[in-house]
Amino acid sequence: MGIFSRMSDIVNSNINALLDSAEDPEKMIRLIIQEMEDTLVEVRSSSARVLADRKTAERKLLRITQEVGDWEEKAKLAISKGREDLARAALQEKRAIEEELEVSGAELQSADEHIEQLNSEVGQLQQKLSDAKAKQKAILMRSQTVHSRMAVKRQIHRSELDEAFNKFDKFERRMDNLEGELDAMDLGREGGLAAEIDALRDDDALNEELEALKRSMQGNTSTKAENVDGSAS
């Protein structure tokens, strides 16, 4: 069974439970990442055992190969000494060991294929883990943005804020009313305070002109009286 088939068995129940309960996607992706990391730890531990088994198989293969060569040399030696019976026995031993050699070779090949598969699947899982972490980061950033926007929206639509603005509007309206009452007091007063002050200035000028006219009239009256007195004498 490959890593991904095994990992699917591990996380399926959890993921299905999260999806069934409409769980937060942040929690779901955290769970997936945790399961991936746990799987990687376990697979690396298994890979260490596979690599150790391969080394053992490789040593066994070298030993058996050497034994095959040794029995062949013994058979040659027996033939050179005219002992075909011993040579035949040596070849029988060689054949038996060659069968064991074939089995050991198959074991080593299987170990190599297993290691190659593990290497490929671990690489894929590492890439998936990197993608999941990148997606987790993107989700967290989007979540933070959404929460910030929601906080702003809540502040904008807070009833206390609306109430404060309503009170402010009422206060402005009250000030408008007071200013209106103040302005109403000056109605009919020909322009209000400024007009009264200007009127005082106009009264002074009129009084001066009136005094000048009086003095002029008094002067004319005196002149006429003198003329009358002169004529009488």
C-alpha atoms as a PDB file:
ATOM      1  CA  MET A   1       0.000   0.000   0.000  1.00  0.00           C
ATOM      2  CA  GLY A   2       1.380   3.424  -0.984  1.00  0.00           C
ATOM      3  CA  ILE A   3       1.722   6.421   1.300  1.00  0.00           C
ATOM      4  CA  PHE A   4      -1.249   8.267  -0.174  1.00  0.00           C
ATOM      5  CA  SER A   5      -3.589   5.281   0.076  1.00  0.00           C
ATOM      6  CA  ARG A   6      -2.572   4.829   3.695  1.00  0.00           C
ATOM      7  CA  MET A   7      -2.817   8.537   4.472  1.00  0.00           C
ATOM      8  CA  SER A   8      -6.269   8.618   2.866  1.00  0.00           C
ATOM      9  CA  ASP A   9      -7.375   5.894   5.283  1.00  0.00           C
ATOM     10  CA  ILE A  10      -5.897   7.845   8.212  1.00  0.00           C
ATOM     11  CA  VAL A  11      -7.532  11.208   7.551  1.00  0.00           C
ATOM     12  CA  ASN A  12     -10.740  10.285   5.707  1.00  0.00           C
ATOM     13  CA  SER A  13     -12.822   9.811   8.830  1.00  0.00           C
ATOM     14  CA  ASN A  14     -11.621  13.116  10.314  1.00  0.00           C
ATOM     15  CA  ILE A  15     -12.100  15.066   7.097  1.00  0.00           C
ATOM     16  CA  ASN A  16     -15.550  13.595   6.527  1.00  0.00           C
ATOM     17  CA  ALA A  17     -16.506  14.490  10.089  1.00  0.00           C
ATOM     18  CA  LEU A  18     -15.310  18.062   9.562  1.00  0.00           C
ATOM     19  CA  LEU A  19     -17.150  18.395   6.273  1.00  0.00           C
ATOM     20  CA  ASP A  20     -20.335  16.895   7.721  1.00  0.00           C
ATOM     21  CA  SER A  21     -20.290  19.397  10.561  1.00  0.00           C
ATOM     22  CA  ALA A  22     -19.348  22.313   8.216  1.00  0.00           C
ATOM     23  CA  GLU A  23     -16.209  22.836  10.279  1.00  0.00           C
ATOM     24  CA  ASP A  24     -13.895  25.799   9.922  1.00  0.00           C
ATOM     25  CA  PRO A  25     -11.586  25.228   6.901  1.00  0.00           C
ATOM     26  CA  GLU A  26      -8.669  26.528   8.980  1.00  0.00           C
ATOM     27  CA  LYS A  27      -9.113  23.628  11.387  1.00  0.00           C
ATOM     28  CA  MET A  28      -9.500  21.172   8.540  1.00  0.00           C
ATOM     29  CA  ILE A  29      -6.298  22.190   6.797  1.00  0.00           C
ATOM     30  CA  ARG A  30      -4.431  22.172  10.139  1.00  0.00           C
ATOM     31  CA  LEU A  31      -5.601  18.606  10.649  1.00  0.00           C
ATOM     32  CA  ILE A  32      -4.500  17.592   7.147  1.00  0.00           C
ATOM     33  CA  ILE A  33      -1.075  19.166   7.677  1.00  0.00           C
ATOM     34  CA  GLN A  34      -0.708  17.398  11.028  1.00  0.00           C
ATOM     35  CA  GLU A  35      -1.662  14.056   9.453  1.00  0.00           C
ATOM     36  CA  MET A  36       0.829  14.629   6.618  1.00  0.00           C
ATOM     37  CA  GLU A  37       3.624  15.429   9.043  1.00  0.00           C
ATOM     38  CA  ASP A  38       2.804  12.386  11.190  1.00  0.00           C
ATOM     39  CA  THR A  39       2.737  10.211   8.071  1.00  0.00           C
ATOM     40  CA  LEU A  40       6.121  11.538   6.970  1.00  0.00           C
ATOM     41  CA  VAL A  41       7.630  10.692  10.355  1.00  0.00           C
ATOM     42  CA  GLU A  42       6.246   7.161  10.223  1.00  0.00           C
ATOM     43  CA  VAL A  43       7.238   6.631   6.584  1.00  0.00           C
ATOM     44  CA  ARG A  44      10.794   7.805   7.262  1.00  0.00           C
ATOM     45  CA  SER A  45      10.980   5.312  10.129  1.00  0.00           C
ATOM     46  CA  SER A  46       9.720   2.549   7.821  1.00  0.00           C
ATOM     47  CA  SER A  47      12.133   3.656   5.108  1.00  0.00           C
ATOM     48  CA  ALA A  48      15.033   3.304   7.528  1.00  0.00           C
ATOM     49  CA  ARG A  49      14.037  -0.324   8.109  1.00  0.00           C
ATOM     50  CA  VAL A  50      13.706  -0.948   4.360  1.00  0.00           C
ATOM     51  CA  LEU A  51      17.156   0.545   3.737  1.00  0.00           C
ATOM     52  CA  ALA A  52      18.624  -1.633   6.498  1.00  0.00           C
ATOM     53  CA  ASP A  53      16.961  -4.731   5.001  1.00  0.00           C
ATOM     54  CA  ARG A  54      18.380  -3.837   1.597  1.00  0.00           C
ATOM     55  CA  LYS A  55      21.908  -3.631   2.978  1.00  0.00           C
ATOM     56  CA  THR A  56      21.446  -7.051   4.616  1.00  0.00           C
ATOM     57  CA  ALA A  57      20.138  -8.503   1.339  1.00  0.00           C
ATOM     58  CA  GLU A  58      23.034  -6.978  -0.557  1.00  0.00           C
ATOM     59  CA  ARG A  59      25.591  -8.508   1.808  1.00  0.00           C
ATOM     60  CA  LYS A  60      23.838 -11.882   1.569  1.00  0.00           C
ATOM     61  CA  LEU A  61      23.886 -11.689  -2.227  1.00  0.00           C
ATOM     62  CA  LEU A  62      27.618 -10.959  -2.253  1.00  0.00           C
ATOM     63  CA  ARG A  63      28.268 -13.845   0.137  1.00  0.00           C
ATOM     64  CA  ILE A  64      26.249 -16.303  -1.928  1.00  0.00           C
ATOM     65  CA  THR A  65      27.873 -15.098  -5.141  1.00  0.00           C
ATOM     66  CA  GLN A  66      31.253 -15.756  -3.592  1.00  0.00           C
ATOM     67  CA  GLU A  67      30.138 -19.251  -2.468  1.00  0.00           C
ATOM     68  CA  VAL A  68      29.012 -20.049  -6.002  1.00  0.00           C
ATOM     69  CA  GLY A  69      32.445 -19.061  -7.257  1.00  0.00           C
ATOM     70  CA  ASP A  70      34.120 -21.117  -4.555  1.00  0.00           C
ATOM     71  CA  TRP A  71      32.209 -24.320  -5.445  1.00  0.00           C
ATOM     72  CA  GLU A  72      33.000 -23.791  -9.092  1.00  0.00           C
ATOM     73  CA  GLU A  73      36.703 -23.544  -8.246  1.00  0.00           C
ATOM     74  CA  LYS A  74      36.431 -26.714  -6.165  1.00  0.00           C
ATOM     75  CA  ALA A  75      34.801 -28.524  -9.053  1.00  0.00           C
ATOM     76  CA  LYS A  76      37.621 -27.444 -11.339  1.00  0.00           C
ATOM     77  CA  LEU A  77      40.195 -28.598  -8.802  1.00  0.00           C
ATOM     78  CA  ALA A  78      38.516 -32.019  -8.501  1.00  0.00           C
ATOM     79  CA  ILE A  79      38.455 -32.400 -12.284  1.00  0.00           C
ATOM     80  CA  SER A  80      42.143 -31.506 -12.463  1.00  0.00           C
ATOM     81  CA  LYS A  81      42.860 -34.262  -9.947  1.00  0.00           C
ATOM     82  CA  GLY A  82      40.773 -36.824 -11.820  1.00  0.00           C
ATOM     83  CA  ARG A  83      38.035 -36.854  -9.227  1.00  0.00           C
ATOM     84  CA  GLU A  84      34.896 -36.378 -11.304  1.00  0.00           C
ATOM     85  CA  ASP A  85      32.812 -37.721  -8.439  1.00  0.00           C
ATOM     86  CA  LEU A  86      33.944 -34.854  -6.252  1.00  0.00           C
ATOM     87  CA  ALA A  87      33.560 -32.412  -9.127  1.00  0.00           C
ATOM     88  CA  ARG A  88      29.951 -33.571  -9.624  1.00  0.00           C
ATOM     89  CA  ALA A  89      29.234 -33.139  -5.912  1.00  0.00           C
ATOM     90  CA  ALA A  90      30.754 -29.651  -5.997  1.00  0.00           C
ATOM     91  CA  LEU A  91      28.572 -28.688  -8.966  1.00  0.00           C
ATOM     92  CA  GLN A  92      25.486 -29.954  -7.132  1.00  0.00           C
ATOM     93  CA  GLU A  93      26.356 -27.692  -4.197  1.00  0.00           C
ATOM     94  CA  LYS A  94      26.930 -24.835  -6.618  1.00  0.00           C
ATOM     95  CA  ARG A  95      23.500 -25.401  -8.204  1.00  0.00           C
ATOM     96  CA  ALA A  96      21.767 -25.385  -4.828  1.00  0.00           C
ATOM     97  CA  ILE A  97      23.492 -22.147  -3.868  1.00  0.00           C
ATOM     98  CA  GLU A  98      22.645 -20.604  -7.275  1.00  0.00           C
ATOM     99  CA  GLU A  99      18.957 -21.148  -6.495  1.00  0.00           C
ATOM    100  CA  GLU A 100      19.470 -19.302  -3.219  1.00  0.00           C
ATOM    101  CA  LEU A 101      21.360 -16.630  -5.152  1.00  0.00           C
ATOM    102  CA  GLU A 102      18.362 -16.134  -7.437  1.00  0.00           C
ATOM    103  CA  VAL A 103      16.052 -15.721  -4.448  1.00  0.00           C
ATOM    104  CA  SER A 104      18.431 -13.209  -2.827  1.00  0.00           C
ATOM    105  CA  GLY A 105      18.689 -11.276  -6.094  1.00  0.00           C
ATOM    106  CA  ALA A 106      14.893 -11.054  -6.296  1.00  0.00           C
ATOM    107  CA  GLU A 107      14.749  -9.814  -2.691  1.00  0.00           C
ATOM    108  CA  LEU A 108      17.322  -7.107  -3.414  1.00  0.00           C
ATOM    109  CA  GLN A 109      15.457  -6.010  -6.545  1.00  0.00           C
ATOM    110  CA  SER A 110      12.187  -5.845  -4.591  1.00  0.00           C
ATOM    111  CA  ALA A 111      13.875  -3.742  -1.903  1.00  0.00           C
ATOM    112  CA  ASP A 112      15.218  -1.354  -4.561  1.00  0.00           C
ATOM    113  CA  GLU A 113      11.764  -0.999  -6.123  1.00  0.00           C
ATOM    114  CA  HIS A 114      10.233  -0.394  -2.698  1.00  0.00           C
ATOM    115  CA  ILE A 115      12.809   2.277  -1.890  1.00  0.00           C
ATOM    116  CA  GLU A 116      12.267   3.951  -5.254  1.00  0.00           C
ATOM    117  CA  GLN A 117       8.515   3.986  -4.676  1.00  0.00           C
ATOM    118  CA  LEU A 118       8.965   5.378  -1.176  1.00  0.00           C
ATOM    119  CA  ASN A 119      11.294   8.074  -2.472  1.00  0.00           C
ATOM    120  CA  SER A 120       8.783   9.097  -5.131  1.00  0.00           C
ATOM    121  CA  GLU A 121       5.802   9.106  -2.764  1.00  0.00           C
ATOM    122  CA  VAL A 122       7.692  10.929  -0.013  1.00  0.00           C
ATOM    123  CA  GLY A 123       8.648  13.584  -2.565  1.00  0.00           C
ATOM    124  CA  GLN A 124       4.995  13.914  -3.599  1.00  0.00           C
ATOM    125  CA  LEU A 125       3.896  14.087   0.019  1.00  0.00           C
ATOM    126  CA  GLN A 126       6.513  16.765   0.738  1.00  0.00           C
ATOM    127  CA  GLN A 127       5.160  18.799  -2.182  1.00  0.00           C
ATOM    128  CA  LYS A 128       1.582  18.322  -0.999  1.00  0.00           C
ATOM    129  CA  LEU A 129       2.650  19.378   2.487  1.00  0.00           C
ATOM    130  CA  SER A 130       4.311  22.511   1.109  1.00  0.00           C
ATOM    131  CA  ASP A 131       1.164  23.299  -0.912  1.00  0.00           C
ATOM    132  CA  ALA A 132      -1.012  22.733   2.153  1.00  0.00           C
ATOM    133  CA  LYS A 133       1.125  25.060   4.280  1.00  0.00           C
ATOM    134  CA  ALA A 134       1.027  27.727   1.554  1.00  0.00           C
ATOM    135  CA  LYS A 135      -2.748  27.347   1.355  1.00  0.00           C
ATOM    136  CA  GLN A 136      -2.960  27.512   5.147  1.00  0.00           C
ATOM    137  CA  LYS A 137      -1.023  30.779   5.102  1.00  0.00           C
ATOM    138  CA  ALA A 138      -3.290  32.192   2.402  1.00  0.00           C
ATOM    139  CA  ILE A 139      -6.402  31.120   4.312  1.00  0.00           C
ATOM    140  CA  LEU A 140      -5.081  32.681   7.525  1.00  0.00           C
ATOM    141  CA  MET A 141      -4.327  35.959   5.728  1.00  0.00           C
ATOM    142  CA  ARG A 142      -7.798  36.005   4.161  1.00  0.00           C
ATOM    143  CA  SER A 143      -9.358  35.110   7.493  1.00  0.00           C
ATOM    144  CA  GLN A 144      -7.520  37.951   9.234  1.00  0.00           C
ATOM    145  CA  THR A 145      -8.612  40.357   6.501  1.00  0.00           C
ATOM    146  CA  VAL A 146     -12.223  39.217   6.779  1.00  0.00           C
ATOM    147  CA  HIS A 147     -12.172  39.503  10.576  1.00  0.00           C
ATOM    148  CA  SER A 148     -10.698  43.009  10.328  1.00  0.00           C
ATOM    149  CA  ARG A 149     -13.353  44.049   7.828  1.00  0.00           C
ATOM    150  CA  MET A 150     -16.064  42.526   9.998  1.00  0.00           C
ATOM    151  CA  ALA A 151     -14.750  44.461  12.987  1.00  0.00           C
ATOM    152  CA  VAL A 152     -14.888  47.689  10.972  1.00  0.00           C
ATOM    153  CA  LYS A 153     -18.392  46.872   9.762  1.00  0.00           C
ATOM    154  CA  ARG A 154     -19.497  46.222  13.322  1.00  0.00           C
ATOM    155  CA  GLN A 155     -18.101  49.603  14.387  1.00  0.00           C
ATOM    156  CA  ILE A 156     -19.812  51.335  11.477  1.00  0.00           C
ATOM    157  CA  HIS A 157     -23.167  49.740  12.256  1.00  0.00           C
ATOM    158  CA  ARG A 158     -22.937  49.955  16.041  1.00  0.00           C
ATOM    159  CA  SER A 159     -26.180  51.253  17.563  1.00  0.00           C
ATOM    160  CA  GLU A 160     -24.137  53.291  20.072  1.00  0.00           C
ATOM    161  CA  LEU A 161     -22.414  55.067  17.190  1.00  0.00           C
ATOM    162  CA  ASP A 162     -25.712  55.824  15.495  1.00  0.00           C
ATOM    163  CA  GLU A 163     -27.117  57.043  18.812  1.00  0.00           C
ATOM    164  CA  ALA A 164     -24.102  59.316  19.331  1.00  0.00           C
ATOM    165  CA  PHE A 165     -24.567  60.872  15.914  1.00  0.00           C
ATOM    166  CA  ASN A 166     -28.272  61.311  16.572  1.00  0.00           C
ATOM    167  CA  LYS A 167     -27.456  63.129  19.805  1.00  0.00           C
ATOM    168  CA  PHE A 168     -24.963  65.288  17.959  1.00  0.00           C
ATOM    169  CA  ASP A 169     -27.596  66.129  15.344  1.00  0.00           C
ATOM    170  CA  LYS A 170     -30.042  67.029  18.124  1.00  0.00           C
ATOM    171  CA  PHE A 171     -27.418  69.254  19.768  1.00  0.00           C
ATOM    172  CA  GLU A 172     -26.760  71.041  16.476  1.00  0.00           C
ATOM    173  CA  ARG A 173     -30.480  71.501  16.039  1.00  0.00           C
ATOM    174  CA  ARG A 174     -30.727  72.961  19.572  1.00  0.00           C
ATOM    175  CA  MET A 175     -27.922  75.412  18.788  1.00  0.00           C
ATOM    176  CA  ASP A 176     -29.733  76.411  15.596  1.00  0.00           C
ATOM    177  CA  ASN A 177     -32.858  77.106  17.639  1.00  0.00           C
ATOM    178  CA  LEU A 178     -30.966  79.219  20.192  1.00  0.00           C
ATOM    179  CA  GLU A 179     -29.249  81.199  17.463  1.00  0.00           C
ATOM    180  CA  GLY A 180     -32.646  81.667  15.801  1.00  0.00           C
ATOM    181  CA  GLU A 181     -34.098  82.994  19.042  1.00  0.00           C
ATOM    182  CA  LEU A 182     -31.153  85.384  19.419  1.00  0.00           C
ATOM    183  CA  ASP A 183     -31.566  86.656  15.878  1.00  0.00           C
ATOM    184  CA  ALA A 184     -35.308  87.034  16.453  1.00  0.00           C
ATOM    185  CA  MET A 185     -34.627  89.490  19.281  1.00  0.00           C
ATOM    186  CA  ASP A 186     -33.064  91.906  16.771  1.00  0.00           C
ATOM    187  CA  LEU A 187     -36.001  91.773  14.379  1.00  0.00           C
ATOM    188  CA  GLY A 188     -37.611  95.227  13.886  1.00  0.00           C
ATOM    189  CA  ARG A 189     -34.671  97.041  15.385  1.00  0.00           C
ATOM    190  CA  GLU A 190     -33.500  98.451  12.013  1.00  0.00           C
ATOM    191  CA  GLY A 191     -30.464  96.439  11.713  1.00  0.00           C
ATOM    192  CA  GLY A 192     -29.821  95.648  15.348  1.00  0.00           C
ATOM    193  CA  LEU A 193     -26.862  96.841  17.420  1.00  0.00           C
ATOM    194  CA  ALA A 194     -24.771  98.031  14.510  1.00  0.00           C
ATOM    195  CA  ALA A 195     -27.691 100.093  13.215  1.00  0.00           C
ATOM    196  CA  GLU A 196     -28.212 101.692  16.660  1.00  0.00           C
ATOM    197  CA  ILE A 197     -24.529 102.694  16.844  1.00  0.00           C
ATOM    198  CA  ASP A 198     -24.689 104.167  13.343  1.00  0.00           C
ATOM    199  CA  ALA A 199     -27.814 106.024  14.377  1.00  0.00           C
ATOM    200  CA  LEU A 200     -25.954 107.593  17.323  1.00  0.00           C
ATOM    201  CA  ARG A 201     -23.294 108.855  14.922  1.00  0.00           C
ATOM    202  CA  ASP A 202     -25.991 110.339  12.681  1.00  0.00           C
ATOM    203  CA  ASP A 203     -27.620 112.030  15.733  1.00  0.00           C
ATOM    204  CA  ASP A 204     -24.329 113.722  16.636  1.00  0.00           C
ATOM    205  CA  ALA A 205     -23.947 115.084  13.119  1.00  0.00           C
ATOM    206  CA  LEU A 206     -27.562 116.274  13.128  1.00  0.00           C
ATOM    207  CA  ASN A 207     -27.121 117.960  16.522  1.00  0.00           C
ATOM    208  CA  GLU A 208     -24.001 119.772  15.308  1.00  0.00           C
ATOM    209  CA  GLU A 209     -25.839 120.976  12.225  1.00  0.00           C
ATOM    210  CA  LEU A 210     -28.775 122.070  14.379  1.00  0.00           C
ATOM    211  CA  GLU A 211     -26.468 124.023  16.750  1.00  0.00           C
ATOM    212  CA  ALA A 212     -24.762 125.675  13.782  1.00  0.00           C
ATOM    213  CA  LEU A 213     -28.135 126.720  12.394  1.00  0.00           C
ATOM    214  CA  LYS A 214     -29.136 128.172  15.766  1.00  0.00           C
ATOM    215  CA  ARG A 215     -25.933 130.143  15.992  1.00  0.00           C
ATOM    216  CA  SER A 216     -26.452 131.424  12.465  1.00  0.00           C
ATOM    217  CA  MET A 217     -29.960 132.515  13.241  1.00  0.00           C
ATOM    218  CA  GLN A 218     -28.849 134.196  16.440  1.00  0.00           C
ATOM    219  CA  GLY A 219     -26.184 136.067  14.493  1.00  0.00           C
ATOM    220  CA  ASN A 220     -28.712 137.302  11.945  1.00  0.00           C
ATOM    221  CA  THR A 221     -31.040 138.499  14.713  1.00  0.00           C
ATOM    222  CA  SER A 222     -28.261 140.493  16.356  1.00  0.00           C
ATOM    223  CA  THR A 223     -27.325 142.192  13.063  1.00  0.00           C
ATOM    224  CA  LYS A 224     -30.894 143.275  12.403  1.00  0.00           C
ATOM    225  CA  ALA A 225     -31.209 144.716  15.867  1.00  0.00           C
ATOM    226  CA  GLU A 226     -28.064 146.788  15.443  1.00  0.00           C
ATOM    227  CA  ASN A 227     -29.321 148.139  12.091  1.00  0.00           C
ATOM    228  CA  VAL A 228     -32.612 149.216  13.662  1.00  0.00           C
ATOM    229  CA  ASP A 229     -30.854 150.980  16.522  1.00  0.00           C
ATOM    230  CA  GLY A 230     -28.634 152.911  14.111  1.00  0.00           C
ATOM    231  CA  SER A 231     -31.457 154.124  12.012  1.00  0.00           C
ATOM    232  CA  ALA A 232     -33.310 155.399  15.068  1.00  0.00           C
ATOM    233  CA  SER A 233     -30.506 157.554  16.237  1.00  0.00           C
END
